Amino acid sequence: MQWFYQIPGVDALDTAESFFVFFAVDYDATLLKPCCLPVLREFHRKIRDNVPLQNHLEAEPRAPWLLARRLLAESYQHYTQGSQA
């Protein structure tokens, strides 16, 4: 998970909404409110389980941000649309 905390600005995120704004993931506040903790818990699990390869990170400077963005979107969709991620 060290790669995630190296994304500039991520340590300042303190609400579920701030994660969605930071990673530019569209969300509906009324859908997120009742499931924000499960979404963030799943996002944390996905970050822990999806450690990118170091050479991939070096090739694309935004790779960690893009990966985190995708994982957050998948976590949100899992709880709001019932899709399995």
Protein backbone atom coordinates (compact mmCIF):
# COMPACT_ATOMS: atom_id res chain seq x y z
CA MET A 1 0.00 0.00 0.00
CA GLN A 2 3.01 2.25 0.17
CA TRP A 3 2.47 3.26 -3.45
CA PHE A 4 -0.93 4.71 -2.55
CA TYR A 5 0.40 6.98 0.19
CA GLN A 6 3.03 8.33 -2.19
CA ILE A 7 0.35 9.96 -4.36
CA PRO A 8 0.70 13.69 -3.67
CA GLY A 9 -2.29 15.02 -1.73
CA VAL A 10 -3.77 11.68 -0.71
CA ASP A 11 -2.82 12.11 2.95
CA ALA A 12 -5.11 15.17 3.18
CA LEU A 13 -8.26 13.21 2.25
CA ASP A 14 -10.54 12.97 5.26
CA THR A 15 -14.05 12.18 4.00
CA ALA A 16 -15.54 9.76 1.53
CA GLU A 17 -16.55 12.68 -0.67
CA SER A 18 -12.99 14.03 -0.65
CA PHE A 19 -11.73 10.75 -2.12
CA PHE A 20 -14.26 10.94 -4.94
CA VAL A 21 -13.42 14.57 -5.69
CA PHE A 22 -9.66 13.96 -5.52
CA PHE A 23 -9.78 10.97 -7.85
CA ALA A 24 -12.39 12.59 -10.14
CA VAL A 25 -14.86 9.73 -9.74
CA ASP A 26 -18.50 10.64 -10.38
CA TYR A 27 -20.79 9.81 -7.50
CA ASP A 28 -24.26 10.51 -6.20
CA ALA A 29 -24.09 11.83 -2.62
CA THR A 30 -27.45 10.28 -1.75
CA LEU A 31 -26.22 6.85 -2.86
CA LEU A 32 -22.82 7.22 -1.23
CA LYS A 33 -24.02 8.42 2.18
CA PRO A 34 -25.53 5.14 3.43
CA CYS A 35 -22.66 3.00 2.14
CA CYS A 36 -19.58 5.22 2.41
CA LEU A 37 -17.88 3.02 5.04
CA PRO A 38 -18.32 -0.24 3.09
CA VAL A 39 -17.17 1.52 -0.11
CA LEU A 40 -14.03 2.87 1.56
CA ARG A 41 -13.38 -0.50 3.24
CA GLU A 42 -13.58 -2.25 -0.13
CA PHE A 43 -11.41 0.46 -1.69
CA HIS A 44 -8.80 -0.15 1.04
CA ARG A 45 -8.93 -3.90 0.39
CA LYS A 46 -8.54 -3.38 -3.35
CA ILE A 47 -5.57 -1.04 -2.82
CA ARG A 48 -3.92 -3.62 -0.57
CA ASP A 49 -4.57 -6.46 -3.05
CA ASN A 50 -3.66 -4.61 -6.27
CA VAL A 51 -0.06 -3.64 -5.78
CA PRO A 52 1.24 -2.41 -9.13
CA LEU A 53 4.60 -3.52 -10.47
CA GLN A 54 7.43 -1.05 -9.85
CA ASN A 55 8.49 -0.93 -13.50
CA HIS A 56 4.91 -0.04 -14.50
CA LEU A 57 4.91 2.82 -12.00
CA GLU A 58 8.13 4.21 -13.42
CA ALA A 59 6.79 4.08 -16.99
CA GLU A 60 3.71 6.20 -16.21
CA PRO A 61 4.00 8.84 -13.47
CA ARG A 62 0.20 8.97 -13.02
CA ALA A 63 -0.17 5.18 -12.80
CA PRO A 64 -0.74 5.10 -9.02
CA TRP A 65 -3.41 7.82 -9.24
CA LEU A 66 -5.10 6.12 -12.19
CA LEU A 67 -5.09 2.74 -10.44
CA ALA A 68 -6.53 4.23 -7.23
CA ARG A 69 -9.18 6.05 -9.28
CA ARG A 70 -10.24 2.79 -10.97
CA LEU A 71 -10.35 0.91 -7.66
CA LEU A 72 -12.45 3.61 -6.00
CA ALA A 73 -14.90 3.61 -8.90
CA GLU A 74 -15.17 -0.19 -8.77
CA SER A 75 -15.78 -0.12 -5.02
CA TYR A 76 -18.50 2.50 -5.40
CA GLN A 77 -20.20 0.61 -8.22
CA HIS A 78 -20.11 -2.60 -6.20
CA TYR A 79 -22.21 -1.06 -3.43
CA THR A 80 -24.44 1.26 -5.42
CA GLN A 81 -25.20 -0.78 -8.52
CA GLY A 82 -24.82 -4.28 -7.16
CA SER A 83 -22.03 -5.18 -9.61
CA GLN A 84 -19.39 -7.57 -8.42
CA ALA A 85 -15.88 -6.15 -8.70
